[in-house]
Amino acid sequence: MNATRASGRFFCLLGITILGWVTNPRVALAADFNVTSPGFFFEINGTNTPTLTLVRGQTYTFLVNTACGFHPFRINSPGAVNSPACSGTITYTVPLAAQNYTYDCDVHGTQMQGTILTVDSPPPPQPPTIKILSLAVSTNLTVTSTGTNTWTVNPEYSTNLLSTNWYALTVQSNRFVGGTNETYCGKPPGNNVFIRVKSVPQ
């Protein structure tokens, strides 16, 4: 009887612990850069005083664990929060200006200095040129088109080319084989319609 009660208490407590963990999880997010000071230099992500290339407008985190009072890590730029620091996290939002910056030791200055190069964000991917190769009409529509497996094909229809309204067709299946997309979709209403293929990145 005592064993049963003890077992019951155990499972009850275990249930409370599990519920508490599920409803209030604590997930540690990885920092972009880990900063230490194994000598009279900063090691960032395992590299001695690297030049950092950062994208303007992006936010980065630096997890700092350096010799407190001796090698505080400092980012010499607007947008650095909690800088300098010898422990904890520095959050750095790179300014939009086309300018480079430095990081160094708040105590030793240029003796422990590295460069921060800033670059523009890369342009968005350009859509591939899509051409309809064939169109088979039965109870449904099968559209074969050129494309790439990194873009999704979305067939659309319109009954009037003078209108800007195009309507999506219901895609039932799509497969990419040998450089072409074969898209099987619902048939649009009516007999006189225009079909086009719109592509979006996956």
Foldseek 3Di string as FASTA:
>chain_A
DVVVVVVVVVVVVVVVVVVVCVVDPDDDDDFPWEWEDPDQEIAIPNRTQEAAEEEAQDKGKYAAAYDPPPFFKAWPDPQWPPPRGRGDMIIGHHHNDQDKTKMGGPVPPPSHMHIYHYDHDDDDDDADDKDFPDWDDDQWIKTKIFGDPQKDKWKWKDQDPVDPDIGTFAWPDWDDDPRMIITITGDDPDDRMDMDIDIDGD
